[in-house]
Amino acid sequence: MAKTIMVVDDALSVRGLMSMSLENAGYQVIEACDGKDALNKLSGQDVHLIFVDIYMPNMDGMELIKNLKANPRYRLIPVVVLSKEGSPERKQEGQAVGAKAWIVKPFKPKTILDVVKKIIG
């Protein structure tokens, strides 16, 4: 059975590129446009990895990660940040709230697939 990956980003183009790349590699993808949408769509889903943008309306990526890590059902799901922001301070903040990795935009689809394979196979 294919592993499921959630992509949370307010940019439709980023979600589309991610979904296409991941689906072509055999993964199932759930898309969400912000943190609140992600939490709603996670309900009852088995998700193996979550990609999160930092800057989004309604609930940003850092707040989403905090929510995920505070919930026993989602605490162990690895979270990878996708962001234009690449400062050491923001990366450290992401790590402190529970992000497993950080990818700076723009990115190549191969980079995404390499990270996915390294984290969940």
C-alpha atoms as a PDB file:
ATOM      1  CA  MET A   1       0.000   0.000   0.000  1.00  0.00           C
ATOM      2  CA  ALA A   2       1.277   3.452  -0.928  1.00  0.00           C
ATOM      3  CA  LYS A   3       2.437   5.767   1.837  1.00  0.00           C
ATOM      4  CA  THR A   4       0.510   8.994   2.278  1.00  0.00           C
ATOM      5  CA  ILE A   5       2.138  12.425   2.373  1.00  0.00           C
ATOM      6  CA  MET A   6       0.402  15.683   3.247  1.00  0.00           C
ATOM      7  CA  VAL A   7       1.477  18.913   1.541  1.00  0.00           C
ATOM      8  CA  VAL A   8       0.454  22.090   3.375  1.00  0.00           C
ATOM      9  CA  ASP A   9       1.118  25.303   1.437  1.00  0.00           C
ATOM     10  CA  ASP A  10      -1.020  28.316   0.559  1.00  0.00           C
ATOM     11  CA  ALA A  11       0.505  28.431  -2.953  1.00  0.00           C
ATOM     12  CA  LEU A  12      -1.512  26.271  -5.328  1.00  0.00           C
ATOM     13  CA  SER A  13       1.471  26.023  -7.699  1.00  0.00           C
ATOM     14  CA  VAL A  14       3.714  24.565  -4.961  1.00  0.00           C
ATOM     15  CA  ARG A  15       1.040  22.056  -3.912  1.00  0.00           C
ATOM     16  CA  GLY A  16       0.550  21.058  -7.553  1.00  0.00           C
ATOM     17  CA  LEU A  17       4.267  20.531  -8.215  1.00  0.00           C
ATOM     18  CA  MET A  18       4.689  18.585  -4.977  1.00  0.00           C
ATOM     19  CA  SER A  19       1.623  16.431  -5.604  1.00  0.00           C
ATOM     20  CA  MET A  20       2.629  15.622  -9.167  1.00  0.00           C
ATOM     21  CA  SER A  21       6.182  14.698  -8.166  1.00  0.00           C
ATOM     22  CA  LEU A  22       5.097  12.574  -5.210  1.00  0.00           C
ATOM     23  CA  GLU A  23       2.238  10.823  -7.016  1.00  0.00           C
ATOM     24  CA  ASN A  24       4.520  10.005  -9.966  1.00  0.00           C
ATOM     25  CA  ALA A  25       6.852   8.362  -7.422  1.00  0.00           C
ATOM     26  CA  GLY A  26       3.997   6.201  -6.103  1.00  0.00           C
ATOM     27  CA  TYR A  27       2.895   8.132  -3.006  1.00  0.00           C
ATOM     28  CA  GLN A  28      -0.635   9.217  -2.142  1.00  0.00           C
ATOM     29  CA  VAL A  29      -0.972  12.942  -1.475  1.00  0.00           C
ATOM     30  CA  ILE A  30      -3.358  15.015   0.613  1.00  0.00           C
ATOM     31  CA  GLU A  31      -3.228  18.761  -0.051  1.00  0.00           C
ATOM     32  CA  ALA A  32      -4.084  21.502   2.432  1.00  0.00           C
ATOM     33  CA  CYS A  33      -3.969  25.284   1.948  1.00  0.00           C
ATOM     34  CA  ASP A  34      -3.113  26.247   5.549  1.00  0.00           C
ATOM     35  CA  GLY A  35      -2.704  24.834   9.049  1.00  0.00           C
ATOM     36  CA  LYS A  36      -6.413  24.786   9.889  1.00  0.00           C
ATOM     37  CA  ASP A  37      -7.230  23.022   6.629  1.00  0.00           C
ATOM     38  CA  ALA A  38      -4.467  20.496   7.357  1.00  0.00           C
ATOM     39  CA  LEU A  39      -5.810  19.678  10.822  1.00  0.00           C
ATOM     40  CA  ASN A  40      -9.316  19.218   9.390  1.00  0.00           C
ATOM     41  CA  LYS A  41      -8.073  16.923   6.616  1.00  0.00           C
ATOM     42  CA  LEU A  42      -5.840  14.906   8.964  1.00  0.00           C
ATOM     43  CA  SER A  43      -8.798  13.735  11.003  1.00  0.00           C
ATOM     44  CA  GLY A  44      -8.851   9.945  10.761  1.00  0.00           C
ATOM     45  CA  GLN A  45      -6.144   9.785   8.072  1.00  0.00           C
ATOM     46  CA  ASP A  46      -2.993   7.705   8.229  1.00  0.00           C
ATOM     47  CA  VAL A  47      -0.264  10.095   7.094  1.00  0.00           C
ATOM     48  CA  HIS A  48       3.411   9.109   6.985  1.00  0.00           C
ATOM     49  CA  LEU A  49       5.036  12.522   6.338  1.00  0.00           C
ATOM     50  CA  ILE A  50       3.931  16.166   6.257  1.00  0.00           C
ATOM     51  CA  PHE A  51       5.490  19.022   4.271  1.00  0.00           C
ATOM     52  CA  VAL A  52       4.639  22.434   5.768  1.00  0.00           C
ATOM     53  CA  ASP A  53       5.128  25.973   4.514  1.00  0.00           C
ATOM     54  CA  ILE A  54       5.867  28.509   7.245  1.00  0.00           C
ATOM     55  CA  TYR A  55       4.033  31.602   6.023  1.00  0.00           C
ATOM     56  CA  MET A  56       0.321  30.843   5.519  1.00  0.00           C
ATOM     57  CA  PRO A  57      -2.949  32.547   6.453  1.00  0.00           C
ATOM     58  CA  ASN A  58      -5.273  31.279   9.235  1.00  0.00           C
ATOM     59  CA  MET A  59      -2.624  29.089  10.888  1.00  0.00           C
ATOM     60  CA  ASP A  60       1.049  29.325   9.956  1.00  0.00           C
ATOM     61  CA  GLY A  61       3.450  26.420   9.717  1.00  0.00           C
ATOM     62  CA  MET A  62       5.082  26.835  13.122  1.00  0.00           C
ATOM     63  CA  GLU A  63       1.679  26.842  14.829  1.00  0.00           C
ATOM     64  CA  LEU A  64       0.639  23.773  12.830  1.00  0.00           C
ATOM     65  CA  ILE A  65       3.779  21.885  13.861  1.00  0.00           C
ATOM     66  CA  LYS A  66       3.137  22.791  17.524  1.00  0.00           C
ATOM     67  CA  ASN A  67      -0.427  21.470  17.202  1.00  0.00           C
ATOM     68  CA  LEU A  68       0.745  18.251  15.560  1.00  0.00           C
ATOM     69  CA  LYS A  69       3.440  17.583  18.152  1.00  0.00           C
ATOM     70  CA  ALA A  70       0.990  18.247  21.027  1.00  0.00           C
ATOM     71  CA  ASN A  71      -1.455  15.620  19.714  1.00  0.00           C
ATOM     72  CA  PRO A  72      -0.570  11.995  20.604  1.00  0.00           C
ATOM     73  CA  ARG A  73      -2.145  10.771  17.337  1.00  0.00           C
ATOM     74  CA  TYR A  74       0.124  12.944  15.151  1.00  0.00           C
ATOM     75  CA  ARG A  75       3.175  13.478  17.366  1.00  0.00           C
ATOM     76  CA  LEU A  76       5.330  10.881  15.607  1.00  0.00           C
ATOM     77  CA  ILE A  77       4.608  11.985  12.029  1.00  0.00           C
ATOM     78  CA  PRO A  78       7.800  13.515  10.599  1.00  0.00           C
ATOM     79  CA  VAL A  79       7.371  17.136   9.475  1.00  0.00           C
ATOM     80  CA  VAL A  80       9.534  18.812   6.831  1.00  0.00           C
ATOM     81  CA  VAL A  81       9.419  22.586   6.437  1.00  0.00           C
ATOM     82  CA  LEU A  82       9.288  24.097   2.939  1.00  0.00           C
ATOM     83  CA  SER A  83       9.982  27.821   3.037  1.00  0.00           C
ATOM     84  CA  LYS A  84      11.561  30.752   1.245  1.00  0.00           C
ATOM     85  CA  GLU A  85      12.976  31.554   4.673  1.00  0.00           C
ATOM     86  CA  GLY A  86      16.324  29.903   5.259  1.00  0.00           C
ATOM     87  CA  SER A  87      17.883  31.823   8.116  1.00  0.00           C
ATOM     88  CA  PRO A  88      19.651  29.790  10.811  1.00  0.00           C
ATOM     89  CA  GLU A  89      17.354  31.357  13.439  1.00  0.00           C
ATOM     90  CA  ARG A  90      14.151  30.220  11.692  1.00  0.00           C
ATOM     91  CA  LYS A  91      15.599  26.763  11.059  1.00  0.00           C
ATOM     92  CA  GLN A  92      16.499  26.503  14.737  1.00  0.00           C
ATOM     93  CA  GLU A  93      12.968  27.612  15.658  1.00  0.00           C
ATOM     94  CA  GLY A  94      11.555  24.944  13.352  1.00  0.00           C
ATOM     95  CA  GLN A  95      13.734  22.288  14.901  1.00  0.00           C
ATOM     96  CA  ALA A  96      12.720  23.425  18.390  1.00  0.00           C
ATOM     97  CA  VAL A  97       9.014  22.917  17.618  1.00  0.00           C
ATOM     98  CA  GLY A  98       9.632  19.514  16.041  1.00  0.00           C
ATOM     99  CA  ALA A  99      10.515  19.867  12.347  1.00  0.00           C
ATOM    100  CA  LYS A 100      12.687  16.995  11.122  1.00  0.00           C
ATOM    101  CA  ALA A 101      14.158  18.817   8.100  1.00  0.00           C
ATOM    102  CA  TRP A 102      14.052  22.170   6.269  1.00  0.00           C
ATOM    103  CA  ILE A 103      13.993  22.697   2.502  1.00  0.00           C
ATOM    104  CA  VAL A 104      14.425  26.197   1.091  1.00  0.00           C
ATOM    105  CA  LYS A 105      12.245  27.253  -1.859  1.00  0.00           C
ATOM    106  CA  PRO A 106      12.696  27.127  -4.752  1.00  0.00           C
ATOM    107  CA  PHE A 107      13.466  23.439  -4.751  1.00  0.00           C
ATOM    108  CA  LYS A 108      13.885  20.689  -7.309  1.00  0.00           C
ATOM    109  CA  PRO A 109      11.428  17.764  -7.287  1.00  0.00           C
ATOM    110  CA  LYS A 110      14.405  15.397  -6.940  1.00  0.00           C
ATOM    111  CA  THR A 111      15.317  17.097  -3.653  1.00  0.00           C
ATOM    112  CA  ILE A 112      11.813  16.440  -2.335  1.00  0.00           C
ATOM    113  CA  LEU A 113      11.904  12.791  -3.392  1.00  0.00           C
ATOM    114  CA  ASP A 114      15.371  12.302  -1.873  1.00  0.00           C
ATOM    115  CA  VAL A 115      14.143  13.687   1.456  1.00  0.00           C
ATOM    116  CA  VAL A 116      11.009  11.512   1.358  1.00  0.00           C
ATOM    117  CA  LYS A 117      13.019   8.367   0.638  1.00  0.00           C
ATOM    118  CA  LYS A 118      15.472   9.180   3.412  1.00  0.00           C
ATOM    119  CA  ILE A 119      12.725   9.767   5.994  1.00  0.00           C
ATOM    120  CA  ILE A 120       9.997   7.231   5.136  1.00  0.00           C
ATOM    121  CA  GLY A 121      11.419   5.087   2.343  1.00  0.00           C
END
